[in-house]
Amino acid sequence: MTPSSILIGFVALEHVAFFVLESFLFKTPLGLRVFKLTPAAAEASAVLAANQGVYNGFLAAGLVWGLIAAPAASLSIKTFFLACVVVAGIVGGATASRSIFLVQALPGLLALVLLRTGR
């Protein structure tokens, strides 16, 4: 297994965790702590968070697809979904919280660089 595949697997697992947190655990004590929200704020934004969680689930699914796809297609699939992760992380970091850049965009960017350099 290549370093890029290991990092892509990590990024996919992160997005599964984001999916679960945003779609199912958003209003729980864990979700409130992770997102630094009051119960009222979480209640008011839960539908938006669930929608965002679904998108993170799609990113995870795409990365896993890239990891298991035939070699002829896997490079393109992984590149596309990693680029989506990076863009989402940059937008989230610029608009919601700078930590999103570190947690989402940076690992995605590192995986993309490793992938595209053949590592």
Protein backbone atom coordinates (compact mmCIF):
# COMPACT_ATOMS: atom_id res chain seq x y z
CA MET A 1 0.00 0.00 0.00
CA THR A 2 1.41 3.37 -1.02
CA PRO A 3 1.72 6.39 1.31
CA SER A 4 -0.89 8.21 -0.79
CA SER A 5 -3.35 5.33 -0.39
CA ILE A 6 -2.84 5.33 3.37
CA LEU A 7 -3.43 9.08 3.55
CA ILE A 8 -6.45 8.83 1.23
CA GLY A 9 -7.86 6.16 3.54
CA PHE A 10 -7.32 8.51 6.49
CA VAL A 11 -9.07 11.37 4.67
CA ALA A 12 -11.96 9.05 3.82
CA LEU A 13 -12.26 8.01 7.48
CA GLU A 14 -12.25 11.67 8.52
CA HIS A 15 -15.16 12.31 6.18
CA VAL A 16 -17.06 9.32 7.53
CA ALA A 17 -16.59 10.84 10.99
CA PHE A 18 -17.77 14.26 9.73
CA PHE A 19 -20.81 12.56 8.20
CA VAL A 20 -21.70 10.82 11.46
CA LEU A 21 -21.10 13.94 13.57
CA GLU A 22 -23.08 16.26 11.33
CA SER A 23 -25.89 13.90 10.37
CA PHE A 24 -26.51 11.99 13.60
CA LEU A 25 -24.60 13.44 16.56
CA PHE A 26 -24.91 17.17 15.89
CA LYS A 27 -27.29 17.90 18.81
CA THR A 28 -25.68 15.47 21.26
CA PRO A 29 -23.17 16.54 23.91
CA LEU A 30 -20.34 15.36 21.63
CA GLY A 31 -21.65 17.37 18.68
CA LEU A 32 -22.17 20.45 20.84
CA ARG A 33 -18.61 20.17 22.14
CA VAL A 34 -17.01 19.53 18.72
CA PHE A 35 -18.87 22.36 17.01
CA LYS A 36 -18.81 24.67 20.06
CA LEU A 37 -22.57 25.26 19.93
CA THR A 38 -25.31 25.85 22.42
CA PRO A 39 -28.26 23.46 22.28
CA ALA A 40 -30.40 26.26 20.80
CA ALA A 41 -27.87 27.01 18.06
CA ALA A 42 -27.54 23.31 17.24
CA GLU A 43 -31.30 22.92 17.06
CA ALA A 44 -31.59 25.91 14.73
CA SER A 45 -28.91 24.62 12.35
CA ALA A 46 -29.40 20.83 12.58
CA VAL A 47 -31.04 20.51 9.16
CA LEU A 48 -28.17 22.37 7.52
CA ALA A 49 -25.62 20.24 9.37
CA ALA A 50 -27.35 17.03 8.29
CA ASN A 51 -27.23 18.19 4.68
CA GLN A 52 -23.55 19.06 5.03
CA GLY A 53 -22.97 15.64 6.58
CA VAL A 54 -24.43 13.94 3.53
CA TYR A 55 -21.95 15.79 1.31
CA ASN A 56 -19.10 14.61 3.53
CA GLY A 57 -20.46 11.08 3.21
CA PHE A 58 -20.33 11.41 -0.57
CA LEU A 59 -16.71 12.58 -0.38
CA ALA A 60 -15.82 9.55 1.76
CA ALA A 61 -17.61 7.22 -0.65
CA GLY A 62 -15.78 8.72 -3.62
CA LEU A 63 -12.41 8.32 -1.97
CA VAL A 64 -13.14 4.69 -1.08
CA TRP A 65 -14.32 4.13 -4.64
CA GLY A 66 -11.00 5.53 -5.87
CA LEU A 67 -9.10 3.19 -3.56
CA ILE A 68 -10.90 0.08 -4.82
CA ALA A 69 -11.40 1.06 -8.49
CA ALA A 70 -9.51 -0.52 -11.35
CA PRO A 71 -6.08 1.09 -11.81
CA ALA A 72 -7.10 2.64 -15.14
CA ALA A 73 -9.77 4.74 -13.40
CA SER A 74 -8.49 5.09 -9.85
CA LEU A 75 -6.07 7.98 -10.43
CA SER A 76 -8.78 10.16 -11.93
CA ILE A 77 -11.33 9.24 -9.27
CA LYS A 78 -8.94 9.88 -6.39
CA THR A 79 -7.74 13.14 -7.93
CA PHE A 80 -11.29 14.43 -8.41
CA PHE A 81 -12.50 13.59 -4.89
CA LEU A 82 -9.32 14.86 -3.22
CA ALA A 83 -9.66 18.12 -5.14
CA CYS A 84 -13.26 18.36 -3.87
CA VAL A 85 -12.03 17.79 -0.31
CA VAL A 86 -9.39 20.49 -0.68
CA VAL A 87 -11.82 23.04 -2.12
CA ALA A 88 -14.40 22.27 0.58
CA GLY A 89 -11.72 22.64 3.25
CA ILE A 90 -10.51 25.95 1.85
CA VAL A 91 -14.05 27.34 1.66
CA GLY A 92 -14.87 26.08 5.16
CA GLY A 93 -11.62 27.48 6.51
CA ALA A 94 -12.30 30.87 4.96
CA THR A 95 -15.96 31.11 5.92
CA ALA A 96 -16.62 29.03 9.04
CA SER A 97 -13.49 28.17 11.02
CA ARG A 98 -9.78 28.25 10.24
CA SER A 99 -9.43 24.84 11.86
CA ILE A 100 -11.39 23.34 8.95
CA PHE A 101 -8.46 24.16 6.69
CA LEU A 102 -6.10 22.23 8.98
CA VAL A 103 -8.40 19.27 9.57
CA GLN A 104 -9.89 18.88 6.08
CA ALA A 105 -7.98 20.77 3.38
CA LEU A 106 -4.42 20.11 4.54
CA PRO A 107 -4.66 16.29 4.75
CA GLY A 108 -6.51 16.27 1.41
CA LEU A 109 -3.83 18.46 -0.17
CA LEU A 110 -1.03 16.30 1.18
CA ALA A 111 -2.75 13.17 -0.15
CA LEU A 112 -3.25 14.86 -3.52
CA VAL A 113 0.43 15.85 -3.73
CA LEU A 114 1.55 12.32 -2.81
CA LEU A 115 -0.88 10.82 -5.30
CA ARG A 116 0.15 13.07 -8.17
CA THR A 117 3.88 12.55 -7.48
CA GLY A 118 3.42 8.79 -7.58
CA ARG A 119 4.06 8.08 -3.94
